[in-house]
C-alpha atoms as a PDB file:
ATOM      1  CA  MET A   1       2.634 -10.214  21.485  1.00  0.00           C
ATOM      2  CA  ASN A   2      -0.741  -8.608  20.682  1.00  0.00           C
ATOM      3  CA  PHE A   3      -1.563  -7.878  17.052  1.00  0.00           C
ATOM      4  CA  CYS A   4      -4.383  -6.928  14.705  1.00  0.00           C
ATOM      5  CA  LYS A   5      -4.922  -8.058  11.142  1.00  0.00           C
ATOM      6  CA  TYR A   6      -6.262  -5.661   8.484  1.00  0.00           C
ATOM      7  CA  ASP A   7      -6.564  -5.683   4.713  1.00  0.00           C
ATOM      8  CA  GLY A   8      -6.897  -3.009   2.056  1.00  0.00           C
ATOM      9  CA  ALA A   9      -8.722  -4.611  -0.892  1.00  0.00           C
ATOM     10  CA  GLY A  10      -7.198  -7.989  -0.091  1.00  0.00           C
ATOM     11  CA  ASN A  11      -3.675  -6.615   0.481  1.00  0.00           C
ATOM     12  CA  ASP A  12      -3.290  -7.857   4.068  1.00  0.00           C
ATOM     13  CA  PHE A  13      -1.105  -6.822   6.988  1.00  0.00           C
ATOM     14  CA  VAL A  14      -0.273  -7.634  10.584  1.00  0.00           C
ATOM     15  CA  LEU A  15      -0.282  -4.458  12.703  1.00  0.00           C
ATOM     16  CA  ILE A  16       1.425  -3.990  16.069  1.00  0.00           C
ATOM     17  CA  ASP A  17       1.139  -1.028  18.436  1.00  0.00           C
ATOM     18  CA  ILE A  18       4.674  -0.488  19.809  1.00  0.00           C
ATOM     19  CA  ARG A  19       4.095   2.849  21.557  1.00  0.00           C
ATOM     20  CA  GLN A  20       4.366   1.295  25.031  1.00  0.00           C
ATOM     21  CA  ASN A  21       6.366  -1.843  24.308  1.00  0.00           C
ATOM     22  CA  ASP A  22       8.549  -2.486  21.256  1.00  0.00           C
ATOM     23  CA  PRO A  23       9.232  -6.238  20.817  1.00  0.00           C
ATOM     24  CA  GLU A  24      12.141  -5.395  18.449  1.00  0.00           C
ATOM     25  CA  LEU A  25      11.313  -8.208  16.055  1.00  0.00           C
ATOM     26  CA  THR A  26      14.054  -9.827  14.008  1.00  0.00           C
ATOM     27  CA  THR A  27      13.907 -10.347  10.249  1.00  0.00           C
ATOM     28  CA  GLU A  28      13.327 -14.064  10.840  1.00  0.00           C
ATOM     29  CA  GLN A  29      10.476 -13.442  13.290  1.00  0.00           C
ATOM     30  CA  ILE A  30       8.712 -11.045  10.918  1.00  0.00           C
ATOM     31  CA  ALA A  31       9.029 -13.538   8.053  1.00  0.00           C
ATOM     32  CA  HIS A  32       7.600 -16.249  10.328  1.00  0.00           C
ATOM     33  CA  ILE A  33       4.652 -14.058  11.356  1.00  0.00           C
ATOM     34  CA  CYS A  34       3.839 -13.294   7.707  1.00  0.00           C
ATOM     35  CA  HIS A  35       4.194 -16.920   6.558  1.00  0.00           C
ATOM     36  CA  ARG A  36       0.823 -18.223   5.352  1.00  0.00           C
ATOM     37  CA  ARG A  37       1.390 -21.788   6.547  1.00  0.00           C
ATOM     38  CA  PHE A  38       3.446 -21.450   9.720  1.00  0.00           C
ATOM     39  CA  GLY A  39       2.513 -17.950  10.927  1.00  0.00           C
ATOM     40  CA  ILE A  40      -0.401 -15.534  10.920  1.00  0.00           C
ATOM     41  CA  GLY A  41      -0.115 -14.937   7.183  1.00  0.00           C
ATOM     42  CA  ALA A  42       0.184 -11.511   5.536  1.00  0.00           C
ATOM     43  CA  ASP A  43       1.710  -9.538   2.680  1.00  0.00           C
ATOM     44  CA  GLY A  44       3.556  -7.432   5.242  1.00  0.00           C
ATOM     45  CA  LEU A  45       3.873  -6.293   8.853  1.00  0.00           C
ATOM     46  CA  MET A  46       3.634  -2.756  10.201  1.00  0.00           C
ATOM     47  CA  THR A  47       4.446  -1.171  13.522  1.00  0.00           C
ATOM     48  CA  LEU A  48       2.697   1.914  14.888  1.00  0.00           C
ATOM     49  CA  GLY A  49       5.159   3.924  16.951  1.00  0.00           C
ATOM     50  CA  ASN A  50       5.357   7.250  18.726  1.00  0.00           C
ATOM     51  CA  ALA A  51       6.038  10.419  16.744  1.00  0.00           C
ATOM     52  CA  ASN A  52       6.603  14.044  17.643  1.00  0.00           C
ATOM     53  CA  PRO A  53       3.825  16.610  17.023  1.00  0.00           C
ATOM     54  CA  PRO A  54       2.235  17.451  14.672  1.00  0.00           C
ATOM     55  CA  TYR A  55       2.297  13.765  13.739  1.00  0.00           C
ATOM     56  CA  ASP A  56       0.046  11.213  15.392  1.00  0.00           C
ATOM     57  CA  PHE A  57       2.325   8.202  14.871  1.00  0.00           C
ATOM     58  CA  GLU A  58       5.189   6.694  12.914  1.00  0.00           C
ATOM     59  CA  MET A  59       4.551   3.885  10.429  1.00  0.00           C
ATOM     60  CA  ARG A  60       7.268   1.323   9.816  1.00  0.00           C
ATOM     61  CA  TYR A  61       6.602  -1.247   7.105  1.00  0.00           C
ATOM     62  CA  TYR A  62       8.227  -4.657   6.596  1.00  0.00           C
ATOM     63  CA  ASN A  63       7.756  -6.926   3.585  1.00  0.00           C
ATOM     64  CA  SER A  64       6.686 -10.514   4.148  1.00  0.00           C
ATOM     65  CA  ASP A  65      10.326 -11.597   3.729  1.00  0.00           C
ATOM     66  CA  GLY A  66      11.024  -9.771   7.000  1.00  0.00           C
ATOM     67  CA  LYS A  67      13.036  -6.947   5.489  1.00  0.00           C
ATOM     68  CA  ILE A  68      12.274  -3.260   5.919  1.00  0.00           C
ATOM     69  CA  GLY A  69      10.196  -2.002   3.011  1.00  0.00           C
ATOM     70  CA  SER A  70       9.539   1.317   1.332  1.00  0.00           C
ATOM     71  CA  MET A  71       6.172   3.120   1.426  1.00  0.00           C
ATOM     72  CA  CYS A  72       3.071   0.939   1.166  1.00  0.00           C
ATOM     73  CA  GLY A  73      -0.114   2.704   0.049  1.00  0.00           C
ATOM     74  CA  ASN A  74      -2.597   0.108   1.242  1.00  0.00           C
ATOM     75  CA  GLY A  75      -0.535  -0.348   4.376  1.00  0.00           C
ATOM     76  CA  GLY A  76      -0.755   3.382   5.012  1.00  0.00           C
ATOM     77  CA  ARG A  77      -4.540   3.262   4.666  1.00  0.00           C
ATOM     78  CA  CYS A  78      -4.805   0.220   6.957  1.00  0.00           C
ATOM     79  CA  ILE A  79      -2.571   1.618   9.687  1.00  0.00           C
ATOM     80  CA  ALA A  80      -4.559   4.869   9.602  1.00  0.00           C
ATOM     81  CA  ALA A  81      -7.742   2.896  10.292  1.00  0.00           C
ATOM     82  CA  PHE A  82      -5.912   0.979  13.026  1.00  0.00           C
ATOM     83  CA  ALA A  83      -4.751   4.247  14.606  1.00  0.00           C
ATOM     84  CA  TYR A  84      -8.280   5.623  14.387  1.00  0.00           C
ATOM     85  CA  THR A  85      -9.648   2.660  16.353  1.00  0.00           C
ATOM     86  CA  LEU A  86      -6.945   3.314  18.988  1.00  0.00           C
ATOM     87  CA  GLY A  87      -8.258   6.846  19.433  1.00  0.00           C
ATOM     88  CA  LEU A  88      -5.483   8.684  17.619  1.00  0.00           C
ATOM     89  CA  GLY A  89      -6.029  11.625  15.296  1.00  0.00           C
ATOM     90  CA  HIS A  90      -8.062  14.783  15.530  1.00  0.00           C
ATOM     91  CA  LYS A  91     -11.632  15.376  14.457  1.00  0.00           C
ATOM     92  CA  SER A  92     -12.015  17.476  11.341  1.00  0.00           C
ATOM     93  CA  GLY A  93     -15.792  17.044  11.114  1.00  0.00           C
ATOM     94  CA  GLU A  94     -18.578  14.908  12.464  1.00  0.00           C
ATOM     95  CA  ALA A  95     -18.197  12.184   9.872  1.00  0.00           C
ATOM     96  CA  GLN A  96     -14.458  12.323   9.279  1.00  0.00           C
ATOM     97  CA  SER A  97     -11.169  12.106  11.143  1.00  0.00           C
ATOM     98  CA  THR A  98      -7.754  13.053   9.794  1.00  0.00           C
ATOM     99  CA  LEU A  99      -4.488  11.494  10.925  1.00  0.00           C
ATOM    100  CA  ASN A 100      -0.969  12.699  10.168  1.00  0.00           C
ATOM    101  CA  PHE A 101       1.941  10.287  10.282  1.00  0.00           C
ATOM    102  CA  ILE A 102       5.521   9.699   9.203  1.00  0.00           C
ATOM    103  CA  GLY A 103       6.244   6.905   6.718  1.00  0.00           C
ATOM    104  CA  TYR A 104       9.323   5.637   4.920  1.00  0.00           C
ATOM    105  CA  ASP A 105       9.132   8.405   2.328  1.00  0.00           C
ATOM    106  CA  GLY A 106       8.146  11.247   4.648  1.00  0.00           C
ATOM    107  CA  PRO A 107       4.934  12.750   6.020  1.00  0.00           C
ATOM    108  CA  HIS A 108       1.450  11.575   5.029  1.00  0.00           C
ATOM    109  CA  SER A 109      -2.103  12.452   5.945  1.00  0.00           C
ATOM    110  CA  ALA A 110      -5.041  10.048   5.898  1.00  0.00           C
ATOM    111  CA  ASP A 111      -8.761  10.796   6.043  1.00  0.00           C
ATOM    112  CA  ILE A 112     -11.154   8.261   7.536  1.00  0.00           C
ATOM    113  CA  LEU A 113     -14.045   8.900   5.164  1.00  0.00           C
ATOM    114  CA  LEU A 114     -16.183   6.101   6.554  1.00  0.00           C
ATOM    115  CA  TRP A 115     -15.805   3.616   9.391  1.00  0.00           C
ATOM    116  CA  GLU A 116     -18.455   1.121  10.501  1.00  0.00           C
ATOM    117  CA  PRO A 117     -17.232  -0.199  13.880  1.00  0.00           C
ATOM    118  CA  ASP A 118     -19.786  -3.016  14.065  1.00  0.00           C
ATOM    119  CA  GLU A 119     -18.596  -4.436  10.744  1.00  0.00           C
ATOM    120  CA  GLY A 120     -14.972  -3.304  10.981  1.00  0.00           C
ATOM    121  CA  LYS A 121     -15.054  -1.835   7.488  1.00  0.00           C
ATOM    122  CA  GLY A 122     -14.537   1.581   6.008  1.00  0.00           C
ATOM    123  CA  VAL A 123     -13.080   3.828   3.332  1.00  0.00           C
ATOM    124  CA  VAL A 124      -9.758   5.625   3.803  1.00  0.00           C
ATOM    125  CA  ARG A 125      -8.160   8.303   1.620  1.00  0.00           C
ATOM    126  CA  LEU A 126      -4.367   8.567   1.796  1.00  0.00           C
ATOM    127  CA  GLY A 127      -2.212  11.460   0.673  1.00  0.00           C
ATOM    128  CA  MET A 128       0.734  10.268  -1.430  1.00  0.00           C
ATOM    129  CA  ARG A 129       4.071  11.904  -2.242  1.00  0.00           C
ATOM    130  CA  ASN A 130       4.375  14.257  -5.230  1.00  0.00           C
ATOM    131  CA  VAL A 131       5.842  12.855  -8.443  1.00  0.00           C
ATOM    132  CA  GLU A 132       7.888  14.972 -10.850  1.00  0.00           C
ATOM    133  CA  CYS A 133       7.057  14.404 -14.518  1.00  0.00           C
ATOM    134  CA  LYS A 134      10.766  14.242 -15.361  1.00  0.00           C
ATOM    135  CA  ASP A 135      11.079  11.249 -13.031  1.00  0.00           C
ATOM    136  CA  ILE A 136       8.607   9.160 -15.060  1.00  0.00           C
ATOM    137  CA  LYS A 137      10.830   7.267 -17.488  1.00  0.00           C
ATOM    138  CA  ARG A 138      10.041   5.134 -20.518  1.00  0.00           C
ATOM    139  CA  CYS A 139      11.929   1.841 -20.309  1.00  0.00           C
ATOM    140  CA  LEU A 140      11.555  -1.676 -21.697  1.00  0.00           C
ATOM    141  CA  ASP A 141       7.934  -1.761 -22.955  1.00  0.00           C
ATOM    142  CA  GLY A 142       6.464   0.519 -20.309  1.00  0.00           C
ATOM    143  CA  TRP A 143       7.128   3.219 -17.725  1.00  0.00           C
ATOM    144  CA  PHE A 144       9.158   3.426 -14.530  1.00  0.00           C
ATOM    145  CA  LEU A 145       8.372   5.790 -11.657  1.00  0.00           C
ATOM    146  CA  ASP A 146       8.504   6.057  -7.871  1.00  0.00           C
ATOM    147  CA  THR A 147       5.288   6.742  -5.945  1.00  0.00           C
ATOM    148  CA  GLY A 148       6.841   5.995  -2.561  1.00  0.00           C
ATOM    149  CA  SER A 149       7.978   2.609  -3.884  1.00  0.00           C
ATOM    150  CA  PRO A 150       9.461   1.914  -7.339  1.00  0.00           C
ATOM    151  CA  HIS A 151       7.052   0.645  -9.994  1.00  0.00           C
ATOM    152  CA  TYR A 152       7.353  -0.545 -13.579  1.00  0.00           C
ATOM    153  CA  VAL A 153       4.024  -0.301 -15.451  1.00  0.00           C
ATOM    154  CA  GLN A 154       3.257  -2.124 -18.711  1.00  0.00           C
ATOM    155  CA  ARG A 155       0.135  -2.444 -20.860  1.00  0.00           C
ATOM    156  CA  VAL A 156      -0.854  -5.970 -21.861  1.00  0.00           C
ATOM    157  CA  THR A 157      -3.822  -7.752 -23.417  1.00  0.00           C
ATOM    158  CA  ASP A 158      -6.025 -10.395 -21.762  1.00  0.00           C
ATOM    159  CA  LEU A 159      -4.729  -9.428 -18.325  1.00  0.00           C
ATOM    160  CA  GLU A 160      -7.192 -11.786 -16.642  1.00  0.00           C
ATOM    161  CA  HIS A 161      -5.202 -14.762 -17.992  1.00  0.00           C
ATOM    162  CA  PHE A 162      -1.774 -13.094 -18.128  1.00  0.00           C
ATOM    163  CA  ASP A 163       1.195 -14.753 -16.370  1.00  0.00           C
ATOM    164  CA  VAL A 164       1.647 -11.989 -13.805  1.00  0.00           C
ATOM    165  CA  VAL A 165       3.905 -14.020 -11.514  1.00  0.00           C
ATOM    166  CA  GLY A 166       6.210 -15.363 -14.230  1.00  0.00           C
ATOM    167  CA  GLU A 167       6.559 -12.120 -16.183  1.00  0.00           C
ATOM    168  CA  GLY A 168       6.549 -10.022 -13.034  1.00  0.00           C
ATOM    169  CA  ARG A 169       9.395 -11.999 -11.484  1.00  0.00           C
ATOM    170  CA  ARG A 170      11.431 -11.793 -14.706  1.00  0.00           C
ATOM    171  CA  ILE A 171      11.052  -8.009 -14.969  1.00  0.00           C
ATOM    172  CA  ARG A 172      11.484  -7.462 -11.224  1.00  0.00           C
ATOM    173  CA  HIS A 173      15.005  -8.942 -11.487  1.00  0.00           C
ATOM    174  CA  ASP A 174      15.954  -7.259 -14.790  1.00  0.00           C
ATOM    175  CA  LYS A 175      19.423  -5.727 -14.488  1.00  0.00           C
ATOM    176  CA  ILE A 176      18.026  -2.349 -15.577  1.00  0.00           C
ATOM    177  CA  PHE A 177      16.504  -2.052 -12.072  1.00  0.00           C
ATOM    178  CA  ALA A 178      19.480  -1.926  -9.735  1.00  0.00           C
ATOM    179  CA  GLU A 179      17.434  -2.426  -6.551  1.00  0.00           C
ATOM    180  CA  GLY A 180      14.595  -4.381  -8.130  1.00  0.00           C
ATOM    181  CA  THR A 181      11.098  -3.045  -8.727  1.00  0.00           C
ATOM    182  CA  ASN A 182       7.433  -3.760  -8.265  1.00  0.00           C
ATOM    183  CA  VAL A 183       5.772  -4.669 -11.552  1.00  0.00           C
ATOM    184  CA  ASP A 184       2.265  -3.598 -12.612  1.00  0.00           C
ATOM    185  CA  PHE A 185       0.337  -4.817 -15.644  1.00  0.00           C
ATOM    186  CA  ILE A 186      -2.630  -2.779 -16.888  1.00  0.00           C
ATOM    187  CA  GLU A 187      -5.499  -3.146 -19.355  1.00  0.00           C
ATOM    188  CA  ASP A 188      -8.489  -0.941 -20.184  1.00  0.00           C
ATOM    189  CA  MET A 189     -11.834  -2.511 -19.292  1.00  0.00           C
ATOM    190  CA  PRO A 190     -15.082  -2.223 -21.298  1.00  0.00           C
ATOM    191  CA  ASP A 191     -16.674  -0.168 -18.498  1.00  0.00           C
ATOM    192  CA  GLY A 192     -13.912   2.444 -18.758  1.00  0.00           C
ATOM    193  CA  ARG A 193     -12.041   1.411 -15.608  1.00  0.00           C
ATOM    194  CA  LEU A 194      -8.384   0.368 -15.603  1.00  0.00           C
ATOM    195  CA  PHE A 195      -7.652  -3.218 -14.544  1.00  0.00           C
ATOM    196  CA  VAL A 196      -4.392  -3.548 -12.587  1.00  0.00           C
ATOM    197  CA  ARG A 197      -2.490  -6.621 -11.415  1.00  0.00           C
ATOM    198  CA  THR A 198       0.759  -6.294  -9.447  1.00  0.00           C
ATOM    199  CA  TYR A 199       3.808  -8.428  -8.682  1.00  0.00           C
ATOM    200  CA  GLU A 200       5.380  -7.075  -5.484  1.00  0.00           C
ATOM    201  CA  ARG A 201       9.043  -7.312  -4.603  1.00  0.00           C
ATOM    202  CA  GLY A 202       9.602  -8.445  -1.013  1.00  0.00           C
ATOM    203  CA  VAL A 203       6.428 -10.501  -1.235  1.00  0.00           C
ATOM    204  CA  GLU A 204       7.809 -12.081  -4.433  1.00  0.00           C
ATOM    205  CA  ASP A 205       4.333 -12.909  -5.631  1.00  0.00           C
ATOM    206  CA  GLU A 206       1.192 -11.271  -6.949  1.00  0.00           C
ATOM    207  CA  THR A 207      -0.805  -9.381  -4.332  1.00  0.00           C
ATOM    208  CA  TRP A 208      -4.524  -8.692  -4.647  1.00  0.00           C
ATOM    209  CA  ALA A 209      -3.928  -4.952  -4.663  1.00  0.00           C
ATOM    210  CA  CYS A 210      -1.052  -2.490  -4.284  1.00  0.00           C
ATOM    211  CA  GLY A 211      -1.645   1.128  -3.281  1.00  0.00           C
ATOM    212  CA  THR A 212       1.566   2.649  -4.624  1.00  0.00           C
ATOM    213  CA  GLY A 213       1.065   0.512  -7.746  1.00  0.00           C
ATOM    214  CA  VAL A 214      -2.500   1.706  -8.289  1.00  0.00           C
ATOM    215  CA  THR A 215      -1.217   5.267  -7.929  1.00  0.00           C
ATOM    216  CA  ALA A 216       1.595   4.698 -10.438  1.00  0.00           C
ATOM    217  CA  CYS A 217      -0.818   3.157 -12.949  1.00  0.00           C
ATOM    218  CA  ALA A 218      -3.235   6.077 -12.629  1.00  0.00           C
ATOM    219  CA  LEU A 219      -0.467   8.610 -13.274  1.00  0.00           C
ATOM    220  CA  VAL A 220       0.931   6.971 -16.413  1.00  0.00           C
ATOM    221  CA  SER A 221      -2.468   6.037 -17.885  1.00  0.00           C
ATOM    222  CA  GLY A 222      -4.491   9.086 -16.864  1.00  0.00           C
ATOM    223  CA  ASN A 223      -7.301   6.761 -15.739  1.00  0.00           C
ATOM    224  CA  THR A 224      -8.184   7.434 -12.101  1.00  0.00           C
ATOM    225  CA  GLN A 225     -10.808   4.684 -11.696  1.00  0.00           C
ATOM    226  CA  ILE A 226      -8.974   1.450 -10.927  1.00  0.00           C
ATOM    227  CA  THR A 227     -10.056  -2.175 -10.473  1.00  0.00           C
ATOM    228  CA  THR A 228      -7.823  -4.781  -8.820  1.00  0.00           C
ATOM    229  CA  ARG A 229      -8.436  -8.401  -7.886  1.00  0.00           C
ATOM    230  CA  GLY A 230      -9.217  -7.262  -4.341  1.00  0.00           C
ATOM    231  CA  GLY A 231     -11.386  -4.230  -4.955  1.00  0.00           C
ATOM    232  CA  ASP A 232     -11.835  -0.811  -6.542  1.00  0.00           C
ATOM    233  CA  PHE A 233      -9.865   2.397  -6.029  1.00  0.00           C
ATOM    234  CA  ALA A 234     -10.073   6.045  -6.973  1.00  0.00           C
ATOM    235  CA  VAL A 235      -7.016   8.243  -7.464  1.00  0.00           C
ATOM    236  CA  SER A 236      -7.061  12.025  -7.687  1.00  0.00           C
ATOM    237  CA  PHE A 237      -4.239  14.464  -8.387  1.00  0.00           C
ATOM    238  CA  ASN A 238      -3.342  17.921  -9.645  1.00  0.00           C
ATOM    239  CA  HIS A 239      -1.206  17.858 -12.807  1.00  0.00           C
ATOM    240  CA  THR A 240       0.753  21.129 -12.925  1.00  0.00           C
ATOM    241  CA  GLY A 241       2.533  20.326 -16.183  1.00  0.00           C
ATOM    242  CA  THR A 242       5.826  19.561 -14.435  1.00  0.00           C
ATOM    243  CA  ALA A 243       4.567  17.422 -11.546  1.00  0.00           C
ATOM    244  CA  TYR A 244       1.687  15.437 -10.113  1.00  0.00           C
ATOM    245  CA  GLU A 245       0.746  17.017  -6.805  1.00  0.00           C
ATOM    246  CA  ASP A 246      -1.891  16.558  -4.114  1.00  0.00           C
ATOM    247  CA  ILE A 247      -2.171  12.857  -5.020  1.00  0.00           C
ATOM    248  CA  LYS A 248      -4.891  11.017  -3.097  1.00  0.00           C
ATOM    249  CA  LEU A 249      -5.527   7.265  -3.007  1.00  0.00           C
ATOM    250  CA  THR A 250      -9.014   6.178  -1.873  1.00  0.00           C
ATOM    251  CA  GLY A 251     -10.152   2.618  -1.279  1.00  0.00           C
ATOM    252  CA  PRO A 252     -11.640   0.062   1.139  1.00  0.00           C
ATOM    253  CA  VAL A 253     -10.140  -1.073   4.447  1.00  0.00           C
ATOM    254  CA  SER A 254     -11.305  -4.012   6.580  1.00  0.00           C
ATOM    255  CA  PHE A 255     -10.446  -5.183  10.087  1.00  0.00           C
ATOM    256  CA  ASN A 256      -9.997  -8.973   9.963  1.00  0.00           C
ATOM    257  CA  PHE A 257      -9.251 -10.094  13.525  1.00  0.00           C
ATOM    258  CA  ARG A 258      -7.063  -9.538  16.575  1.00  0.00           C
ATOM    259  CA  GLY A 259      -5.042 -12.030  18.588  1.00  0.00           C
ATOM    260  CA  GLN A 260      -1.846 -12.925  20.379  1.00  0.00           C
ATOM    261  CA  ILE A 261       1.191 -14.787  19.137  1.00  0.00           C
ATOM    262  CA  THR A 262       4.093 -16.248  21.104  1.00  0.00           C
ATOM    263  CA  LEU A 263       7.492 -16.019  19.426  1.00  0.00           C
END
């Protein structure tokens, strides 16, 4: 099976083009592929499949445990770059290409703002789903909302040395969250940016960045300039008073390598 490996600010994924041949991977095979000791190693796996117009492709995302996942913001940005290198999408200007695709939570558009083919690096802006203000709930010591995936966001102090894995795992399994949740911890930085660290369900560990998490943190904090362990992000949105609309997530994407794996 041919594959490519990409990362969005250190949040890494195995990507497979299944438009001509779908290997129909099992849960166990996906978990093996994502395993960092026995497989390729990744936070998740995505397939790029055929879609009906006006969409360029369908994105299907699996967590590293092999189970189907909800929307992944960094995954969406990475698979858009992957699709761009495959020649998909339509030109919207000399320096930019826009792709439209179907994800777990519905339609998305992604703009390739920059792509350097020799270095395999670029900047991708992803359109996220709208979020109703009434759906942002206060609970425990923070907020709960869904930005394509469920997120609990909590302010803490000394986030650099905070036990993200221990506290994240405890909150992720709290009975208040019937289907579990991703957990984000935030702290204001001296330079005015918001520092975010995330414990992701399905990965069951801290990841270096989380796109839907960065988006959730920007909405509840009002700070649109975000720093994660893997890199920096910008979030933009239109706050109508009752909803957050036209939400855009912008950040780095890198091509790591391509290869073949026998299962």
